[in-house]
Amino acid sequence: MIELTRCGRDLLNASIGWYDSEGDRVGGHHVTVVGVQGDSAGHHQITFHNPANDNFLNIHSTTLDQTYTLGSDNGAGPKVNGYGGTGVTARLEGVMVLTTAP
């Protein structure tokens, strides 16, 4: 993902899916990726701006920078540890790159 941003010139929107205990997708949300970190031991973190940080689904909330550790990938995408509601697992399903540069 770091390489996809071309040193901050591009915008990354990430799709986060919510999955129940049976592995069925029960919802999702798009966020803007503003940071990615990784180390040689395979620990990865993602920071994103999240416009929906409360239970008011029809109202734009104050945008927060939120950082989460990425976990195991079950084929639906790496787990976003600590993100999502009770009883669901959040997974990073993919990213969309928006660019105006050639």
PDB file of N, CA and C in Angstrom:
ATOM      1  N   MET A   1       0.826  -1.200   0.000  1.00  0.00           N
ATOM      2  CA  MET A   1       0.000   0.000   0.000  1.00  0.00           C
ATOM      3  C   MET A   1       0.863   1.254   0.000  1.00  0.00           C
ATOM      4  N   ILE A   2       2.020   1.180   0.663  1.00  0.00           N
ATOM      5  CA  ILE A   2       2.906   2.343   0.683  1.00  0.00           C
ATOM      6  C   ILE A   2       3.329   2.693  -0.739  1.00  0.00           C
ATOM      7  N   GLU A   3       3.684   1.699  -1.519  1.00  0.00           N
ATOM      8  CA  GLU A   3       4.107   1.942  -2.895  1.00  0.00           C
ATOM      9  C   GLU A   3       2.961   2.480  -3.748  1.00  0.00           C
ATOM     10  N   LEU A   4       1.734   2.071  -3.452  1.00  0.00           N
ATOM     11  CA  LEU A   4       0.589   2.527  -4.231  1.00  0.00           C
ATOM     12  C   LEU A   4       0.344   4.025  -4.097  1.00  0.00           C
ATOM     13  N   THR A   5       0.742   4.624  -2.992  1.00  0.00           N
ATOM     14  CA  THR A   5       0.477   6.050  -2.785  1.00  0.00           C
ATOM     15  C   THR A   5       1.461   6.941  -3.538  1.00  0.00           C
ATOM     16  N   ARG A   6       2.499   6.387  -4.087  1.00  0.00           N
ATOM     17  CA  ARG A   6       3.522   7.148  -4.800  1.00  0.00           C
ATOM     18  C   ARG A   6       3.967   8.355  -3.975  1.00  0.00           C
ATOM     19  N   CYS A   7       4.450   8.078  -2.780  1.00  0.00           N
ATOM     20  CA  CYS A   7       4.985   9.102  -1.871  1.00  0.00           C
ATOM     21  C   CYS A   7       3.947  10.148  -1.489  1.00  0.00           C
ATOM     22  N   GLY A   8       2.728   9.736  -1.293  1.00  0.00           N
ATOM     23  CA  GLY A   8       1.693  10.642  -0.823  1.00  0.00           C
ATOM     24  C   GLY A   8       0.978  11.427  -1.900  1.00  0.00           C
ATOM     25  N   ARG A   9       1.260  11.169  -3.171  1.00  0.00           N
ATOM     26  CA  ARG A   9       0.615  11.913  -4.252  1.00  0.00           C
ATOM     27  C   ARG A   9      -0.744  11.349  -4.621  1.00  0.00           C
ATOM     28  N   ASP A  10      -1.029  10.123  -4.213  1.00  0.00           N
ATOM     29  CA  ASP A  10      -2.290   9.485  -4.540  1.00  0.00           C
ATOM     30  C   ASP A  10      -3.124   9.268  -3.286  1.00  0.00           C
ATOM     31  N   LEU A  11      -4.383   9.005  -3.480  1.00  0.00           N
ATOM     32  CA  LEU A  11      -5.319   8.782  -2.389  1.00  0.00           C
ATOM     33  C   LEU A  11      -5.729   7.325  -2.384  1.00  0.00           C
ATOM     34  N   LEU A  12      -5.703   6.697  -1.214  1.00  0.00           N
ATOM     35  CA  LEU A  12      -6.114   5.305  -1.074  1.00  0.00           C
ATOM     36  C   LEU A  12      -7.405   5.230  -0.265  1.00  0.00           C
ATOM     37  N   ASN A  13      -8.428   4.647  -0.856  1.00  0.00           N
ATOM     38  CA  ASN A  13      -9.656   4.338  -0.127  1.00  0.00           C
ATOM     39  C   ASN A  13      -9.678   2.837   0.107  1.00  0.00           C
ATOM     40  N   ALA A  14      -9.932   2.447   1.338  1.00  0.00           N
ATOM     41  CA  ALA A  14      -9.941   1.031   1.686  1.00  0.00           C
ATOM     42  C   ALA A  14     -11.358   0.561   1.961  1.00  0.00           C
ATOM     43  N   SER A  15     -11.637  -0.654   1.536  1.00  0.00           N
ATOM     44  CA  SER A  15     -12.912  -1.300   1.837  1.00  0.00           C
ATOM     45  C   SER A  15     -12.711  -2.219   3.033  1.00  0.00           C
ATOM     46  N   ILE A  16     -13.467  -1.967   4.090  1.00  0.00           N
ATOM     47  CA  ILE A  16     -13.437  -2.798   5.284  1.00  0.00           C
ATOM     48  C   ILE A  16     -14.753  -3.568   5.324  1.00  0.00           C
ATOM     49  N   GLY A  17     -14.676  -4.876   5.375  1.00  0.00           N
ATOM     50  CA  GLY A  17     -15.881  -5.701   5.479  1.00  0.00           C
ATOM     51  C   GLY A  17     -16.036  -6.236   6.882  1.00  0.00           C
ATOM     52  N   TRP A  18     -17.284  -6.369   7.324  1.00  0.00           N
ATOM     53  CA  TRP A  18     -17.566  -6.960   8.636  1.00  0.00           C
ATOM     54  C   TRP A  18     -18.138  -8.347   8.432  1.00  0.00           C
ATOM     55  N   TYR A  19     -17.591  -9.310   9.157  1.00  0.00           N
ATOM     56  CA  TYR A  19     -17.968 -10.713   9.014  1.00  0.00           C
ATOM     57  C   TYR A  19     -18.433 -11.265  10.361  1.00  0.00           C
ATOM     58  N   ASP A  20     -19.488 -12.090  10.320  1.00  0.00           N
ATOM     59  CA  ASP A  20     -19.978 -12.706  11.559  1.00  0.00           C
ATOM     60  C   ASP A  20     -19.165 -13.958  11.870  1.00  0.00           C
ATOM     61  N   SER A  21     -19.524 -14.637  12.948  1.00  0.00           N
ATOM     62  CA  SER A  21     -18.762 -15.812  13.393  1.00  0.00           C
ATOM     63  C   SER A  21     -18.837 -16.975  12.411  1.00  0.00           C
ATOM     64  N   GLU A  22     -19.819 -16.961  11.524  1.00  0.00           N
ATOM     65  CA  GLU A  22     -19.944 -18.004  10.504  1.00  0.00           C
ATOM     66  C   GLU A  22     -19.102 -17.689   9.263  1.00  0.00           C
ATOM     67  N   GLY A  23     -18.522 -16.477   9.206  1.00  0.00           N
ATOM     68  CA  GLY A  23     -17.731 -16.061   8.064  1.00  0.00           C
ATOM     69  C   GLY A  23     -18.528 -15.364   6.985  1.00  0.00           C
ATOM     70  N   ASP A  24     -19.809 -15.057   7.273  1.00  0.00           N
ATOM     71  CA  ASP A  24     -20.648 -14.352   6.305  1.00  0.00           C
ATOM     72  C   ASP A  24     -20.450 -12.846   6.433  1.00  0.00           C
ATOM     73  N   ARG A  25     -20.375 -12.160   5.287  1.00  0.00           N
ATOM     74  CA  ARG A  25     -20.241 -10.696   5.292  1.00  0.00           C
ATOM     75  C   ARG A  25     -21.577 -10.089   5.701  1.00  0.00           C
ATOM     76  N   VAL A  26     -21.537  -9.240   6.735  1.00  0.00           N
ATOM     77  CA  VAL A  26     -22.768  -8.651   7.268  1.00  0.00           C
ATOM     78  C   VAL A  26     -22.777  -7.125   7.163  1.00  0.00           C
ATOM     79  N   GLY A  27     -21.789  -6.560   6.521  1.00  0.00           N
ATOM     80  CA  GLY A  27     -21.727  -5.107   6.360  1.00  0.00           C
ATOM     81  C   GLY A  27     -20.338  -4.685   5.954  1.00  0.00           C
ATOM     82  N   GLY A  28     -20.165  -3.388   5.871  1.00  0.00           N
ATOM     83  CA  GLY A  28     -18.859  -2.874   5.501  1.00  0.00           C
ATOM     84  C   GLY A  28     -18.832  -1.361   5.502  1.00  0.00           C
ATOM     85  N   HIS A  29     -17.662  -0.832   5.194  1.00  0.00           N
ATOM     86  CA  HIS A  29     -17.467   0.610   5.289  1.00  0.00           C
ATOM     87  C   HIS A  29     -16.210   0.965   4.497  1.00  0.00           C
ATOM     88  N   HIS A  30     -16.184   2.155   3.913  1.00  0.00           N
ATOM     89  CA  HIS A  30     -14.986   2.654   3.236  1.00  0.00           C
ATOM     90  C   HIS A  30     -14.331   3.712   4.097  1.00  0.00           C
ATOM     91  N   VAL A  31     -13.008   3.693   4.136  1.00  0.00           N
ATOM     92  CA  VAL A  31     -12.211   4.660   4.876  1.00  0.00           C
ATOM     93  C   VAL A  31     -11.073   5.137   3.987  1.00  0.00           C
ATOM     94  N   THR A  32     -10.436   6.237   4.360  1.00  0.00           N
ATOM     95  CA  THR A  32      -9.289   6.753   3.614  1.00  0.00           C
ATOM     96  C   THR A  32      -8.011   6.393   4.360  1.00  0.00           C
ATOM     97  N   VAL A  33      -7.117   5.692   3.685  1.00  0.00           N
ATOM     98  CA  VAL A  33      -5.845   5.284   4.283  1.00  0.00           C
ATOM     99  C   VAL A  33      -4.909   6.494   4.326  1.00  0.00           C
ATOM    100  N   VAL A  34      -4.374   6.790   5.512  1.00  0.00           N
ATOM    101  CA  VAL A  34      -3.450   7.918   5.659  1.00  0.00           C
ATOM    102  C   VAL A  34      -2.088   7.481   6.183  1.00  0.00           C
ATOM    103  N   GLY A  35      -1.926   6.203   6.477  1.00  0.00           N
ATOM    104  CA  GLY A  35      -0.635   5.717   6.932  1.00  0.00           C
ATOM    105  C   GLY A  35      -0.579   4.209   6.947  1.00  0.00           C
ATOM    106  N   VAL A  36       0.605   3.688   6.649  1.00  0.00           N
ATOM    107  CA  VAL A  36       0.850   2.248   6.684  1.00  0.00           C
ATOM    108  C   VAL A  36       2.258   2.054   7.225  1.00  0.00           C
ATOM    109  N   GLN A  37       2.401   1.121   8.161  1.00  0.00           N
ATOM    110  CA  GLN A  37       3.721   0.803   8.700  1.00  0.00           C
ATOM    111  C   GLN A  37       3.876  -0.699   8.746  1.00  0.00           C
ATOM    112  N   GLY A  38       5.089  -1.148   8.559  1.00  0.00           N
ATOM    113  CA  GLY A  38       5.390  -2.566   8.664  1.00  0.00           C
ATOM    114  C   GLY A  38       6.825  -2.738   9.121  1.00  0.00           C
ATOM    115  N   ASP A  39       7.117  -3.923   9.621  1.00  0.00           N
ATOM    116  CA  ASP A  39       8.487  -4.202  10.023  1.00  0.00           C
ATOM    117  C   ASP A  39       8.898  -5.563   9.495  1.00  0.00           C
ATOM    118  N   SER A  40      10.167  -5.895   9.681  1.00  0.00           N
ATOM    119  CA  SER A  40      10.708  -7.139   9.137  1.00  0.00           C
ATOM    120  C   SER A  40      10.124  -8.376   9.817  1.00  0.00           C
ATOM    121  N   ALA A  41       9.505  -8.212  10.983  1.00  0.00           N
ATOM    122  CA  ALA A  41       8.897  -9.343  11.683  1.00  0.00           C
ATOM    123  C   ALA A  41       7.480  -9.628  11.198  1.00  0.00           C
ATOM    124  N   GLY A  42       7.005  -8.837  10.231  1.00  0.00           N
ATOM    125  CA  GLY A  42       5.682  -9.093   9.677  1.00  0.00           C
ATOM    126  C   GLY A  42       4.546  -8.414  10.413  1.00  0.00           C
ATOM    127  N   HIS A  43       4.864  -7.464  11.294  1.00  0.00           N
ATOM    128  CA  HIS A  43       3.819  -6.709  11.991  1.00  0.00           C
ATOM    129  C   HIS A  43       3.443  -5.506  11.133  1.00  0.00           C
ATOM    130  N   HIS A  44       2.166  -5.348  10.848  1.00  0.00           N
ATOM    131  CA  HIS A  44       1.712  -4.254   9.996  1.00  0.00           C
ATOM    132  C   HIS A  44       0.609  -3.469  10.686  1.00  0.00           C
ATOM    133  N   GLN A  45       0.655  -2.154  10.511  1.00  0.00           N
ATOM    134  CA  GLN A  45      -0.380  -1.275  11.043  1.00  0.00           C
ATOM    135  C   GLN A  45      -0.911  -0.407   9.919  1.00  0.00           C
ATOM    136  N   ILE A  46      -2.194  -0.066  10.029  1.00  0.00           N
ATOM    137  CA  ILE A  46      -2.828   0.811   9.055  1.00  0.00           C
ATOM    138  C   ILE A  46      -3.510   1.929   9.822  1.00  0.00           C
ATOM    139  N   THR A  47      -3.360   3.160   9.332  1.00  0.00           N
ATOM    140  CA  THR A  47      -4.027   4.317   9.926  1.00  0.00           C
ATOM    141  C   THR A  47      -4.978   4.863   8.884  1.00  0.00           C
ATOM    142  N   PHE A  48      -6.206   5.146   9.295  1.00  0.00           N
ATOM    143  CA  PHE A  48      -7.151   5.692   8.343  1.00  0.00           C
ATOM    144  C   PHE A  48      -8.023   6.764   8.953  1.00  0.00           C
ATOM    145  N   HIS A  49      -8.554   7.610   8.088  1.00  0.00           N
ATOM    146  CA  HIS A  49      -9.571   8.585   8.469  1.00  0.00           C
ATOM    147  C   HIS A  49     -10.904   7.874   8.356  1.00  0.00           C
ATOM    148  N   ASN A  50     -11.667   7.947   9.415  1.00  0.00           N
ATOM    149  CA  ASN A  50     -12.944   7.248   9.467  1.00  0.00           C
ATOM    150  C   ASN A  50     -14.050   8.263   9.730  1.00  0.00           C
ATOM    151  N   PRO A  51     -14.917   8.523   8.752  1.00  0.00           N
ATOM    152  CA  PRO A  51     -15.974   9.521   8.945  1.00  0.00           C
ATOM    153  C   PRO A  51     -17.177   9.009   9.737  1.00  0.00           C
ATOM    154  N   ALA A  52     -17.175   7.749  10.108  1.00  0.00           N
ATOM    155  CA  ALA A  52     -18.309   7.197  10.874  1.00  0.00           C
ATOM    156  C   ALA A  52     -17.778   6.538  12.130  1.00  0.00           C
ATOM    157  N   ASN A  53     -17.589   7.318  13.158  1.00  0.00           N
ATOM    158  CA  ASN A  53     -16.987   6.802  14.379  1.00  0.00           C
ATOM    159  C   ASN A  53     -17.987   6.673  15.520  1.00  0.00           C
ATOM    160  N   ASP A  54     -19.270   6.650  15.182  1.00  0.00           N
ATOM    161  CA  ASP A  54     -20.290   6.502  16.216  1.00  0.00           C
ATOM    162  C   ASP A  54     -21.472   5.738  15.641  1.00  0.00           C
ATOM    163  N   ASN A  55     -22.579   5.714  16.325  1.00  0.00           N
ATOM    164  CA  ASN A  55     -23.738   4.938  15.899  1.00  0.00           C
ATOM    165  C   ASN A  55     -24.712   5.706  15.011  1.00  0.00           C
ATOM    166  N   PHE A  56     -24.391   6.939  14.645  1.00  0.00           N
ATOM    167  CA  PHE A  56     -25.276   7.728  13.801  1.00  0.00           C
ATOM    168  C   PHE A  56     -24.917   7.455  12.338  1.00  0.00           C
ATOM    169  N   LEU A  57     -25.549   6.460  11.746  1.00  0.00           N
ATOM    170  CA  LEU A  57     -25.163   6.000  10.418  1.00  0.00           C
ATOM    171  C   LEU A  57     -25.562   6.958   9.306  1.00  0.00           C
ATOM    172  N   ASN A  58     -26.460   7.897   9.578  1.00  0.00           N
ATOM    173  CA  ASN A  58     -26.913   8.818   8.544  1.00  0.00           C
ATOM    174  C   ASN A  58     -26.352  10.224   8.713  1.00  0.00           C
ATOM    175  N   ILE A  59     -25.406  10.387   9.631  1.00  0.00           N
ATOM    176  CA  ILE A  59     -24.815  11.689   9.910  1.00  0.00           C
ATOM    177  C   ILE A  59     -23.300  11.552   9.804  1.00  0.00           C
ATOM    178  N   HIS A  60     -22.655  12.484   9.113  1.00  0.00           N
ATOM    179  CA  HIS A  60     -21.198  12.473   9.008  1.00  0.00           C
ATOM    180  C   HIS A  60     -20.602  12.881  10.349  1.00  0.00           C
ATOM    181  N   SER A  61     -19.756  12.041  10.903  1.00  0.00           N
ATOM    182  CA  SER A  61     -19.131  12.293  12.199  1.00  0.00           C
ATOM    183  C   SER A  61     -17.834  13.062  12.022  1.00  0.00           C
ATOM    184  N   THR A  62     -17.281  13.519  13.118  1.00  0.00           N
ATOM    185  CA  THR A  62     -15.958  14.125  13.101  1.00  0.00           C
ATOM    186  C   THR A  62     -14.962  13.072  12.646  1.00  0.00           C
ATOM    187  N   THR A  63     -14.120  13.405  11.689  1.00  0.00           N
ATOM    188  CA  THR A  63     -13.156  12.439  11.152  1.00  0.00           C
ATOM    189  C   THR A  63     -12.005  12.268  12.124  1.00  0.00           C
ATOM    190  N   LEU A  64     -11.671  11.029  12.412  1.00  0.00           N
ATOM    191  CA  LEU A  64     -10.591  10.705  13.327  1.00  0.00           C
ATOM    192  C   LEU A  64      -9.504   9.919  12.613  1.00  0.00           C
ATOM    193  N   ASP A  65      -8.254  10.096  13.048  1.00  0.00           N
ATOM    194  CA  ASP A  65      -7.184   9.194  12.636  1.00  0.00           C
ATOM    195  C   ASP A  65      -7.241   8.004  13.579  1.00  0.00           C
ATOM    196  N   GLN A  66      -7.366   6.825  13.021  1.00  0.00           N
ATOM    197  CA  GLN A  66      -7.413   5.616  13.829  1.00  0.00           C
ATOM    198  C   GLN A  66      -6.383   4.638  13.297  1.00  0.00           C
ATOM    199  N   THR A  67      -5.600   4.039  14.200  1.00  0.00           N
ATOM    200  CA  THR A  67      -4.555   3.098  13.806  1.00  0.00           C
ATOM    201  C   THR A  67      -4.879   1.722  14.360  1.00  0.00           C
ATOM    202  N   TYR A  68      -4.759   0.714  13.489  1.00  0.00           N
ATOM    203  CA  TYR A  68      -5.061  -0.662  13.860  1.00  0.00           C
ATOM    204  C   TYR A  68      -3.958  -1.584  13.358  1.00  0.00           C
ATOM    205  N   THR A  69      -3.748  -2.671  14.075  1.00  0.00           N
ATOM    206  CA  THR A  69      -2.806  -3.697  13.665  1.00  0.00           C
ATOM    207  C   THR A  69      -3.530  -4.687  12.763  1.00  0.00           C
ATOM    208  N   LEU A  70      -2.869  -5.047  11.670  1.00  0.00           N
ATOM    209  CA  LEU A  70      -3.444  -6.037  10.766  1.00  0.00           C
ATOM    210  C   LEU A  70      -3.059  -7.431  11.235  1.00  0.00           C
ATOM    211  N   GLY A  71      -4.017  -8.354  11.152  1.00  0.00           N
ATOM    212  CA  GLY A  71      -3.793  -9.720  11.600  1.00  0.00           C
ATOM    213  C   GLY A  71      -3.849 -10.720  10.459  1.00  0.00           C
ATOM    214  N   SER A  72      -4.264 -11.915  10.789  1.00  0.00           N
ATOM    215  CA  SER A  72      -4.270 -13.018   9.835  1.00  0.00           C
ATOM    216  C   SER A  72      -5.256 -12.788   8.692  1.00  0.00           C
ATOM    217  N   ASP A  73      -4.952 -13.412   7.558  1.00  0.00           N
ATOM    218  CA  ASP A  73      -5.797 -13.316   6.358  1.00  0.00           C
ATOM    219  C   ASP A  73      -6.424 -14.686   6.118  1.00  0.00           C
ATOM    220  N   ASN A  74      -7.758 -14.731   6.092  1.00  0.00           N
ATOM    221  CA  ASN A  74      -8.450 -15.991   5.860  1.00  0.00           C
ATOM    222  C   ASN A  74      -8.916 -16.139   4.411  1.00  0.00           C
ATOM    223  N   GLY A  75      -8.423 -15.296   3.534  1.00  0.00           N
ATOM    224  CA  GLY A  75      -8.843 -15.304   2.141  1.00  0.00           C
ATOM    225  C   GLY A  75      -9.788 -14.163   1.818  1.00  0.00           C
ATOM    226  N   ALA A  76     -10.429 -13.590   2.841  1.00  0.00           N
ATOM    227  CA  ALA A  76     -11.315 -12.440   2.655  1.00  0.00           C
ATOM    228  C   ALA A  76     -10.573 -11.133   2.897  1.00  0.00           C
ATOM    229  N   GLY A  77      -9.319 -11.223   3.339  1.00  0.00           N
ATOM    230  CA  GLY A  77      -8.513 -10.048   3.636  1.00  0.00           C
ATOM    231  C   GLY A  77      -7.971 -10.122   5.047  1.00  0.00           C
ATOM    232  N   PRO A  78      -6.886  -9.376   5.320  1.00  0.00           N
ATOM    233  CA  PRO A  78      -6.318  -9.402   6.665  1.00  0.00           C
ATOM    234  C   PRO A  78      -7.274  -8.798   7.691  1.00  0.00           C
ATOM    235  N   LYS A  79      -7.272  -9.376   8.867  1.00  0.00           N
ATOM    236  CA  LYS A  79      -8.097  -8.892   9.968  1.00  0.00           C
ATOM    237  C   LYS A  79      -7.608  -7.522  10.405  1.00  0.00           C
ATOM    238  N   VAL A  80      -8.548  -6.606  10.673  1.00  0.00           N
ATOM    239  CA  VAL A  80      -8.226  -5.290  11.217  1.00  0.00           C
ATOM    240  C   VAL A  80      -8.552  -5.377  12.709  1.00  0.00           C
ATOM    241  N   ASN A  81      -7.533  -5.720  13.495  1.00  0.00           N
ATOM    242  CA  ASN A  81      -7.730  -5.996  14.922  1.00  0.00           C
ATOM    243  C   ASN A  81      -8.275  -4.785  15.662  1.00  0.00           C
ATOM    244  N   GLY A  82      -9.383  -4.973  16.368  1.00  0.00           N
ATOM    245  CA  GLY A  82      -9.963  -3.920  17.193  1.00  0.00           C
ATOM    246  C   GLY A  82     -10.963  -3.023  16.497  1.00  0.00           C
ATOM    247  N   TYR A  83     -11.165  -3.194  15.189  1.00  0.00           N
ATOM    248  CA  TYR A  83     -12.113  -2.354  14.464  1.00  0.00           C
ATOM    249  C   TYR A  83     -13.412  -3.115  14.255  1.00  0.00           C
ATOM    250  N   GLY A  84     -14.517  -2.415  14.333  1.00  0.00           N
ATOM    251  CA  GLY A  84     -15.819  -3.052  14.135  1.00  0.00           C
ATOM    252  C   GLY A  84     -16.568  -3.188  15.438  1.00  0.00           C
ATOM    253  N   GLY A  85     -17.765  -3.665  15.341  1.00  0.00           N
ATOM    254  CA  GLY A  85     -18.626  -3.786  16.511  1.00  0.00           C
ATOM    255  C   GLY A  85     -18.527  -5.149  17.169  1.00  0.00           C
ATOM    256  N   THR A  86     -19.323  -5.309  18.195  1.00  0.00           N
ATOM    257  CA  THR A  86     -19.371  -6.559  18.935  1.00  0.00           C
ATOM    258  C   THR A  86     -19.910  -7.673  18.044  1.00  0.00           C
ATOM    259  N   GLY A  87     -19.247  -8.800  18.067  1.00  0.00           N
ATOM    260  CA  GLY A  87     -19.714  -9.963  17.320  1.00  0.00           C
ATOM    261  C   GLY A  87     -19.334  -9.988  15.856  1.00  0.00           C
ATOM    262  N   VAL A  88     -18.533  -9.021  15.399  1.00  0.00           N
ATOM    263  CA  VAL A  88     -18.097  -9.038  14.003  1.00  0.00           C
ATOM    264  C   VAL A  88     -16.574  -8.938  13.936  1.00  0.00           C
ATOM    265  N   THR A  89     -16.027  -9.445  12.855  1.00  0.00           N
ATOM    266  CA  THR A  89     -14.605  -9.331  12.571  1.00  0.00           C
ATOM    267  C   THR A  89     -14.443  -8.420  11.367  1.00  0.00           C
ATOM    268  N   ALA A  90     -13.601  -7.411  11.500  1.00  0.00           N
ATOM    269  CA  ALA A  90     -13.338  -6.488  10.393  1.00  0.00           C
ATOM    270  C   ALA A  90     -12.169  -7.019   9.576  1.00  0.00           C
ATOM    271  N   ARG A  91     -12.319  -6.967   8.243  1.00  0.00           N
ATOM    272  CA  ARG A  91     -11.265  -7.405   7.344  1.00  0.00           C
ATOM    273  C   ARG A  91     -11.028  -6.360   6.260  1.00  0.00           C
ATOM    274  N   LEU A  92      -9.758  -6.121   5.962  1.00  0.00           N
ATOM    275  CA  LEU A  92      -9.369  -5.207   4.893  1.00  0.00           C
ATOM    276  C   LEU A  92      -9.537  -5.963   3.578  1.00  0.00           C
ATOM    277  N   GLU A  93     -10.595  -5.628   2.837  1.00  0.00           N
ATOM    278  CA  GLU A  93     -10.931  -6.382   1.626  1.00  0.00           C
ATOM    279  C   GLU A  93     -10.166  -5.914   0.398  1.00  0.00           C
ATOM    280  N   GLY A  94      -9.770  -4.662   0.374  1.00  0.00           N
ATOM    281  CA  GLY A  94      -9.042  -4.152  -0.781  1.00  0.00           C
ATOM    282  C   GLY A  94      -8.922  -2.651  -0.709  1.00  0.00           C
ATOM    283  N   VAL A  95      -8.169  -2.091  -1.647  1.00  0.00           N
ATOM    284  CA  VAL A  95      -7.995  -0.645  -1.719  1.00  0.00           C
ATOM    285  C   VAL A  95      -8.252  -0.162  -3.142  1.00  0.00           C
ATOM    286  N   MET A  96      -8.699   1.072  -3.238  1.00  0.00           N
ATOM    287  CA  MET A  96      -8.890   1.727  -4.517  1.00  0.00           C
ATOM    288  C   MET A  96      -7.955   2.927  -4.525  1.00  0.00           C
ATOM    289  N   VAL A  97      -7.155   3.056  -5.577  1.00  0.00           N
ATOM    290  CA  VAL A  97      -6.207   4.149  -5.686  1.00  0.00           C
ATOM    291  C   VAL A  97      -6.817   5.238  -6.565  1.00  0.00           C
ATOM    292  N   LEU A  98      -6.846   6.454  -6.039  1.00  0.00           N
ATOM    293  CA  LEU A  98      -7.318   7.616  -6.794  1.00  0.00           C
ATOM    294  C   LEU A  98      -6.111   8.497  -7.084  1.00  0.00           C
ATOM    295  N   THR A  99      -5.904   8.820  -8.343  1.00  0.00           N
ATOM    296  CA  THR A  99      -4.753   9.616  -8.706  1.00  0.00           C
ATOM    297  C   THR A  99      -5.101  10.626  -9.793  1.00  0.00           C
ATOM    298  N   THR A 100      -4.379  11.717  -9.789  1.00  0.00           N
ATOM    299  CA  THR A 100      -4.497  12.706 -10.870  1.00  0.00           C
ATOM    300  C   THR A 100      -3.175  12.832 -11.604  1.00  0.00           C
ATOM    301  N   ALA A 101      -2.156  12.137 -11.100  1.00  0.00           N
ATOM    302  CA  ALA A 101      -0.830  12.206 -11.709  1.00  0.00           C
ATOM    303  C   ALA A 101      -0.740  11.231 -12.882  1.00  0.00           C
ATOM    304  N   PRO A 102       0.077  11.547 -13.879  1.00  0.00           N
ATOM    305  CA  PRO A 102       0.242  10.633 -15.020  1.00  0.00           C
ATOM    306  C   PRO A 102       0.966   9.364 -14.626  1.00  0.00           C
TER     307      PRO A 102
END
